[in-house]
Amino acid sequence: MLHYAVVFFVIALIAAVFGFGGIAAGAAGIAKILFIVFVILAVATFLFGRNRGT
């Protein structure tokens, strides 16, 4: 999931360089949402995975 967030971030940067503001804003928004979901899932995995081992 982090890979997709980085891909959309790169798309947003390329679109911004070429002047496509709407596409850049959309791709940046998608990248931000994917990154937040990744962080939430990573924290949940660390918390619940630690309890499973004991």
N, C-alpha and C. Protein backbone atom coordinates (compact mmCIF):
# COMPACT_ATOMS: atom_id res chain seq x y z
N MET A 1 0.83 -1.19 0.00
CA MET A 1 0.00 0.00 0.00
C MET A 1 0.88 1.25 0.00
N LEU A 2 1.98 1.15 0.70
CA LEU A 2 2.89 2.29 0.70
C LEU A 2 3.45 2.52 -0.71
N HIS A 3 3.64 1.45 -1.44
CA HIS A 3 4.11 1.55 -2.82
C HIS A 3 3.13 2.37 -3.67
N TYR A 4 1.84 2.11 -3.53
CA TYR A 4 0.84 2.85 -4.30
C TYR A 4 0.80 4.32 -3.89
N ALA A 5 0.99 4.59 -2.61
CA ALA A 5 1.03 5.98 -2.17
C ALA A 5 2.20 6.72 -2.81
N VAL A 6 3.34 6.07 -2.88
CA VAL A 6 4.51 6.69 -3.50
C VAL A 6 4.28 6.88 -5.00
N VAL A 7 3.65 5.90 -5.66
CA VAL A 7 3.37 6.02 -7.09
C VAL A 7 2.45 7.21 -7.36
N PHE A 8 1.39 7.36 -6.57
CA PHE A 8 0.50 8.50 -6.77
C PHE A 8 1.18 9.82 -6.45
N PHE A 9 2.09 9.81 -5.49
CA PHE A 9 2.85 11.02 -5.17
C PHE A 9 3.73 11.42 -6.36
N VAL A 10 4.38 10.45 -6.97
CA VAL A 10 5.22 10.73 -8.14
C VAL A 10 4.37 11.24 -9.30
N ILE A 11 3.20 10.63 -9.49
CA ILE A 11 2.29 11.11 -10.54
C ILE A 11 1.88 12.55 -10.28
N ALA A 12 1.61 12.86 -9.01
CA ALA A 12 1.25 14.23 -8.66
C ALA A 12 2.39 15.20 -8.95
N LEU A 13 3.62 14.81 -8.64
CA LEU A 13 4.76 15.68 -8.92
C LEU A 13 4.94 15.90 -10.42
N ILE A 14 4.83 14.84 -11.20
CA ILE A 14 4.99 14.97 -12.65
C ILE A 14 3.87 15.84 -13.24
N ALA A 15 2.65 15.63 -12.77
CA ALA A 15 1.53 16.42 -13.27
C ALA A 15 1.70 17.89 -12.90
N ALA A 16 2.21 18.16 -11.71
CA ALA A 16 2.43 19.54 -11.29
C ALA A 16 3.50 20.21 -12.14
N VAL A 17 4.54 19.47 -12.49
CA VAL A 17 5.62 20.03 -13.32
C VAL A 17 5.08 20.44 -14.69
N PHE A 18 4.19 19.61 -15.25
CA PHE A 18 3.65 19.90 -16.57
C PHE A 18 2.44 20.83 -16.54
N GLY A 19 2.02 21.26 -15.34
CA GLY A 19 0.97 22.26 -15.25
C GLY A 19 -0.44 21.73 -15.15
N PHE A 20 -0.61 20.46 -14.90
CA PHE A 20 -1.94 19.88 -14.73
C PHE A 20 -2.31 19.94 -13.25
N GLY A 21 -2.83 21.07 -12.82
CA GLY A 21 -3.11 21.29 -11.40
C GLY A 21 -4.19 20.39 -10.85
N GLY A 22 -5.25 20.17 -11.61
CA GLY A 22 -6.35 19.33 -11.12
C GLY A 22 -5.93 17.89 -10.95
N ILE A 23 -5.20 17.38 -11.92
CA ILE A 23 -4.72 16.00 -11.83
C ILE A 23 -3.72 15.87 -10.69
N ALA A 24 -2.86 16.85 -10.53
CA ALA A 24 -1.87 16.82 -9.45
C ALA A 24 -2.55 16.83 -8.09
N ALA A 25 -3.59 17.64 -7.94
CA ALA A 25 -4.30 17.70 -6.66
C ALA A 25 -5.02 16.39 -6.37
N GLY A 26 -5.62 15.80 -7.39
CA GLY A 26 -6.30 14.52 -7.21
C GLY A 26 -5.34 13.41 -6.84
N ALA A 27 -4.21 13.33 -7.53
CA ALA A 27 -3.23 12.29 -7.24
C ALA A 27 -2.62 12.49 -5.86
N ALA A 28 -2.39 13.74 -5.47
CA ALA A 28 -1.84 14.01 -4.14
C ALA A 28 -2.84 13.63 -3.06
N GLY A 29 -4.12 13.88 -3.30
CA GLY A 29 -5.15 13.49 -2.34
C GLY A 29 -5.23 11.98 -2.18
N ILE A 30 -5.17 11.26 -3.29
CA ILE A 30 -5.19 9.80 -3.21
C ILE A 30 -3.96 9.29 -2.48
N ALA A 31 -2.80 9.86 -2.77
CA ALA A 31 -1.56 9.45 -2.09
C ALA A 31 -1.66 9.69 -0.59
N LYS A 32 -2.25 10.80 -0.20
CA LYS A 32 -2.39 11.12 1.22
C LYS A 32 -3.31 10.11 1.92
N ILE A 33 -4.42 9.77 1.29
CA ILE A 33 -5.35 8.80 1.87
C ILE A 33 -4.70 7.43 2.00
N LEU A 34 -4.00 6.99 0.95
CA LEU A 34 -3.34 5.69 1.00
C LEU A 34 -2.26 5.65 2.08
N PHE A 35 -1.54 6.75 2.26
CA PHE A 35 -0.50 6.79 3.29
C PHE A 35 -1.11 6.72 4.69
N ILE A 36 -2.22 7.41 4.90
CA ILE A 36 -2.88 7.38 6.21
C ILE A 36 -3.40 5.97 6.51
N VAL A 37 -4.00 5.32 5.51
CA VAL A 37 -4.47 3.94 5.70
C VAL A 37 -3.30 3.02 6.00
N PHE A 38 -2.17 3.21 5.31
CA PHE A 38 -0.98 2.40 5.57
C PHE A 38 -0.50 2.58 7.00
N VAL A 39 -0.44 3.79 7.48
CA VAL A 39 0.04 4.05 8.84
C VAL A 39 -0.89 3.41 9.87
N ILE A 40 -2.19 3.52 9.66
CA ILE A 40 -3.16 2.93 10.59
C ILE A 40 -3.00 1.41 10.62
N LEU A 41 -2.91 0.79 9.45
CA LEU A 41 -2.75 -0.66 9.40
C LEU A 41 -1.41 -1.11 9.98
N ALA A 42 -0.36 -0.35 9.76
CA ALA A 42 0.95 -0.70 10.31
C ALA A 42 0.93 -0.64 11.84
N VAL A 43 0.33 0.39 12.40
CA VAL A 43 0.25 0.52 13.86
C VAL A 43 -0.60 -0.61 14.44
N ALA A 44 -1.72 -0.92 13.80
CA ALA A 44 -2.57 -2.01 14.27
C ALA A 44 -1.83 -3.34 14.22
N THR A 45 -1.08 -3.57 13.16
CA THR A 45 -0.31 -4.81 13.04
C THR A 45 0.75 -4.90 14.13
N PHE A 46 1.44 -3.83 14.41
CA PHE A 46 2.46 -3.85 15.45
C PHE A 46 1.84 -4.11 16.82
N LEU A 47 0.70 -3.49 17.11
CA LEU A 47 0.09 -3.65 18.42
C LEU A 47 -0.49 -5.05 18.61
N PHE A 48 -1.22 -5.54 17.62
CA PHE A 48 -1.86 -6.85 17.75
C PHE A 48 -0.87 -7.98 17.51
N GLY A 49 0.13 -7.77 16.72
CA GLY A 49 1.16 -8.79 16.48
C GLY A 49 2.03 -9.03 17.70
N ARG A 50 2.24 -8.00 18.49
CA ARG A 50 3.05 -8.15 19.71
C ARG A 50 2.32 -8.98 20.74
N ASN A 51 1.00 -8.83 20.84
CA ASN A 51 0.23 -9.60 21.82
C ASN A 51 0.12 -11.06 21.44
N ARG A 52 0.17 -11.37 20.17
CA ARG A 52 0.02 -12.75 19.71
C ARG A 52 1.22 -13.60 20.12
N GLY A 53 2.39 -13.02 20.21
CA GLY A 53 3.61 -13.78 20.51
C GLY A 53 3.70 -14.23 21.96
N THR A 54 2.96 -13.63 22.87
CA THR A 54 3.08 -13.98 24.28
C THR A 54 2.08 -15.02 24.69
